[in-house]
N, C-alpha and C. Protein backbone atom coordinates (compact mmCIF):
# COMPACT_ATOMS: atom_id res chain seq x y z
N UNK A 1 0.86 -1.18 0.00
CA UNK A 1 0.00 0.00 0.00
C UNK A 1 0.90 1.23 0.00
N UNK A 2 0.63 2.18 -0.87
CA UNK A 2 1.39 3.42 -0.92
C UNK A 2 0.70 4.47 -0.05
N UNK A 3 1.50 5.42 0.43
CA UNK A 3 0.96 6.50 1.24
C UNK A 3 0.08 7.39 0.38
N UNK A 4 -1.14 7.61 0.80
CA UNK A 4 -2.06 8.49 0.11
C UNK A 4 -1.95 9.88 0.72
N UNK A 5 -1.62 10.88 -0.12
CA UNK A 5 -1.50 12.25 0.40
C UNK A 5 -2.62 13.15 -0.09
N UNK A 6 -3.52 12.62 -0.88
CA UNK A 6 -4.69 13.40 -1.27
C UNK A 6 -5.82 13.08 -0.29
N UNK A 7 -6.77 13.99 -0.19
CA UNK A 7 -7.85 13.80 0.78
C UNK A 7 -8.70 12.58 0.43
N UNK A 8 -8.97 11.77 1.43
CA UNK A 8 -9.86 10.62 1.27
C UNK A 8 -11.20 10.86 1.94
N UNK A 9 -11.40 12.09 2.43
CA UNK A 9 -12.64 12.43 3.12
C UNK A 9 -13.62 13.08 2.15
N UNK A 10 -14.88 12.69 2.26
CA UNK A 10 -15.92 13.35 1.46
C UNK A 10 -16.04 14.81 1.88
N UNK A 11 -15.84 15.07 3.17
CA UNK A 11 -15.90 16.43 3.71
C UNK A 11 -14.63 16.69 4.52
N UNK A 12 -13.53 17.05 3.85
CA UNK A 12 -12.26 17.23 4.57
C UNK A 12 -12.32 18.32 5.65
N UNK A 13 -13.12 19.36 5.44
CA UNK A 13 -13.24 20.41 6.46
C UNK A 13 -13.85 19.85 7.74
N UNK A 14 -14.78 18.92 7.60
CA UNK A 14 -15.40 18.30 8.78
C UNK A 14 -14.38 17.44 9.52
N UNK A 15 -13.51 16.77 8.79
CA UNK A 15 -12.46 15.95 9.43
C UNK A 15 -11.49 16.85 10.19
N UNK A 16 -11.08 17.94 9.57
CA UNK A 16 -10.19 18.89 10.23
C UNK A 16 -10.85 19.45 11.48
N UNK A 17 -12.11 19.83 11.35
CA UNK A 17 -12.86 20.38 12.48
C UNK A 17 -12.95 19.37 13.63
N UNK A 18 -13.14 18.11 13.32
CA UNK A 18 -13.23 17.08 14.36
C UNK A 18 -11.93 16.98 15.16
N UNK A 19 -10.81 17.07 14.46
CA UNK A 19 -9.52 17.01 15.15
C UNK A 19 -9.33 18.25 16.02
N UNK A 20 -9.64 19.41 15.47
CA UNK A 20 -9.50 20.66 16.23
C UNK A 20 -10.41 20.63 17.46
N UNK A 21 -11.64 20.21 17.28
CA UNK A 21 -12.60 20.18 18.39
C UNK A 21 -12.18 19.20 19.48
N UNK A 22 -11.50 18.12 19.09
CA UNK A 22 -11.05 17.14 20.08
C UNK A 22 -10.05 17.77 21.06
N UNK A 23 -9.38 18.84 20.64
CA UNK A 23 -8.39 19.50 21.49
C UNK A 23 -8.98 20.61 22.36
N UNK A 24 -10.21 20.97 22.08
CA UNK A 24 -10.84 22.08 22.81
C UNK A 24 -10.90 21.76 24.31
N UNK A 25 -10.43 22.71 25.10
CA UNK A 25 -10.49 22.58 26.56
C UNK A 25 -9.35 21.79 27.17
N UNK A 26 -8.43 21.29 26.34
CA UNK A 26 -7.30 20.53 26.86
C UNK A 26 -6.12 21.45 27.11
N UNK A 27 -5.30 21.07 28.09
CA UNK A 27 -4.05 21.79 28.31
C UNK A 27 -3.10 21.44 27.18
N UNK A 28 -1.99 22.15 27.09
CA UNK A 28 -0.99 21.82 26.06
C UNK A 28 -0.49 20.40 26.22
N UNK A 29 -0.26 19.98 27.46
CA UNK A 29 0.23 18.61 27.71
C UNK A 29 -0.83 17.58 27.31
N UNK A 30 -2.08 17.84 27.66
CA UNK A 30 -3.16 16.92 27.29
C UNK A 30 -3.33 16.87 25.77
N UNK A 31 -3.19 18.01 25.12
CA UNK A 31 -3.30 18.08 23.67
C UNK A 31 -2.20 17.26 23.01
N UNK A 32 -0.98 17.38 23.52
CA UNK A 32 0.13 16.59 23.00
C UNK A 32 -0.11 15.10 23.22
N UNK A 33 -0.65 14.74 24.38
CA UNK A 33 -0.97 13.33 24.67
C UNK A 33 -2.04 12.81 23.72
N UNK A 34 -3.05 13.64 23.46
CA UNK A 34 -4.11 13.25 22.52
C UNK A 34 -3.52 13.01 21.13
N UNK A 35 -2.66 13.92 20.67
CA UNK A 35 -2.02 13.75 19.37
C UNK A 35 -1.23 12.45 19.30
N UNK A 36 -0.46 12.16 20.35
CA UNK A 36 0.34 10.94 20.37
C UNK A 36 -0.55 9.70 20.35
N UNK A 37 -1.62 9.72 21.14
CA UNK A 37 -2.54 8.58 21.17
C UNK A 37 -3.22 8.40 19.82
N UNK A 38 -3.63 9.51 19.21
CA UNK A 38 -4.29 9.45 17.91
C UNK A 38 -3.36 8.89 16.85
N UNK A 39 -2.10 9.34 16.87
CA UNK A 39 -1.12 8.82 15.91
C UNK A 39 -0.95 7.31 16.07
N UNK A 40 -0.84 6.85 17.29
CA UNK A 40 -0.66 5.41 17.52
C UNK A 40 -1.87 4.60 17.11
N UNK A 41 -3.07 5.10 17.39
CA UNK A 41 -4.30 4.41 16.99
C UNK A 41 -4.38 4.32 15.47
N UNK A 42 -4.12 5.44 14.78
CA UNK A 42 -4.20 5.44 13.32
C UNK A 42 -3.07 4.64 12.69
N UNK A 43 -1.87 4.68 13.28
CA UNK A 43 -0.76 3.86 12.77
C UNK A 43 -1.12 2.39 12.86
N UNK A 44 -1.72 1.99 13.97
CA UNK A 44 -2.15 0.60 14.11
C UNK A 44 -3.21 0.25 13.08
N UNK A 45 -4.12 1.17 12.82
CA UNK A 45 -5.17 0.94 11.83
C UNK A 45 -4.56 0.73 10.44
N UNK A 46 -3.55 1.53 10.11
CA UNK A 46 -2.88 1.39 8.81
C UNK A 46 -2.20 0.03 8.73
N UNK A 47 -1.46 -0.31 9.78
CA UNK A 47 -0.88 -1.65 9.88
C UNK A 47 0.22 -1.96 8.86
N UNK A 48 0.82 -0.94 8.28
CA UNK A 48 1.86 -1.16 7.26
C UNK A 48 3.06 -0.31 7.64
N UNK A 49 4.15 -0.95 8.04
CA UNK A 49 5.33 -0.25 8.51
C UNK A 49 5.95 0.64 7.44
N UNK A 50 5.94 0.19 6.19
CA UNK A 50 6.48 1.02 5.11
C UNK A 50 5.69 2.32 4.95
N UNK A 51 4.37 2.22 5.00
CA UNK A 51 3.52 3.41 4.89
C UNK A 51 3.74 4.32 6.10
N UNK A 52 3.85 3.73 7.28
CA UNK A 52 4.09 4.52 8.48
C UNK A 52 5.42 5.27 8.37
N UNK A 53 6.47 4.59 7.93
CA UNK A 53 7.78 5.24 7.78
C UNK A 53 7.72 6.35 6.74
N UNK A 54 7.00 6.14 5.67
CA UNK A 54 6.85 7.18 4.64
C UNK A 54 6.09 8.38 5.20
N UNK A 55 5.06 8.12 5.97
CA UNK A 55 4.27 9.19 6.58
C UNK A 55 5.11 9.98 7.58
N UNK A 56 5.92 9.30 8.37
CA UNK A 56 6.80 9.96 9.34
C UNK A 56 7.78 10.87 8.60
N UNK A 57 8.39 10.35 7.55
CA UNK A 57 9.36 11.15 6.79
C UNK A 57 8.69 12.38 6.17
N UNK A 58 7.51 12.21 5.61
CA UNK A 58 6.79 13.34 5.01
C UNK A 58 6.43 14.38 6.06
N UNK A 59 5.94 13.94 7.20
CA UNK A 59 5.56 14.87 8.27
C UNK A 59 6.77 15.65 8.76
N UNK A 60 7.91 14.96 8.91
CA UNK A 60 9.13 15.64 9.37
C UNK A 60 9.59 16.67 8.33
N UNK A 61 9.55 16.29 7.05
CA UNK A 61 9.94 17.24 6.00
C UNK A 61 9.06 18.47 6.02
N UNK A 62 7.76 18.26 6.13
CA UNK A 62 6.82 19.39 6.15
C UNK A 62 7.05 20.27 7.37
N UNK A 63 7.30 19.67 8.51
CA UNK A 63 7.55 20.42 9.73
C UNK A 63 8.82 21.25 9.59
N UNK A 64 9.88 20.64 9.07
CA UNK A 64 11.15 21.35 8.90
C UNK A 64 11.03 22.45 7.85
N UNK A 65 10.32 22.18 6.76
CA UNK A 65 10.11 23.20 5.73
C UNK A 65 9.36 24.40 6.30
N UNK A 66 8.32 24.14 7.09
CA UNK A 66 7.54 25.22 7.68
C UNK A 66 8.39 26.02 8.66
N UNK A 67 9.22 25.34 9.41
CA UNK A 67 10.10 26.01 10.36
C UNK A 67 11.11 26.90 9.63
N UNK A 68 11.67 26.41 8.54
CA UNK A 68 12.62 27.19 7.75
C UNK A 68 11.94 28.41 7.13
N UNK A 69 10.72 28.23 6.63
CA UNK A 69 9.99 29.37 6.05
C UNK A 69 9.71 30.43 7.11
N UNK A 70 9.36 29.98 8.30
CA UNK A 70 9.07 30.93 9.38
C UNK A 70 10.34 31.69 9.76
N UNK A 71 11.47 31.01 9.81
CA UNK A 71 12.74 31.68 10.13
C UNK A 71 13.11 32.69 9.06
N UNK A 72 12.88 32.36 7.81
CA UNK A 72 13.19 33.28 6.71
C UNK A 72 12.31 34.53 6.76
N UNK A 73 11.06 34.36 7.15
CA UNK A 73 10.14 35.49 7.24
C UNK A 73 10.51 36.43 8.38
N UNK A 74 11.13 35.88 9.41
CA UNK A 74 11.51 36.69 10.57
C UNK A 74 12.79 37.48 10.30
N UNK A 75 13.52 37.15 9.27
CA UNK A 75 14.78 37.84 8.98
C UNK A 75 14.57 39.09 8.18
């Protein structure tokens, strides 16, 4: 199975909203714990180590790219 990076949701805004709403009222630590638990639950659902590794690499690249862009904007 290859990593799918296009939306698989009929209503992607509703999916985004559900994740955001799940964090409402949580402390930063609780929010981080929720994210970690959600990642593990979804990783288990995927059940494919190659896809998981690809997703991790993509997420890290995106995070680093965003961080670099933010640093460039501050200069």
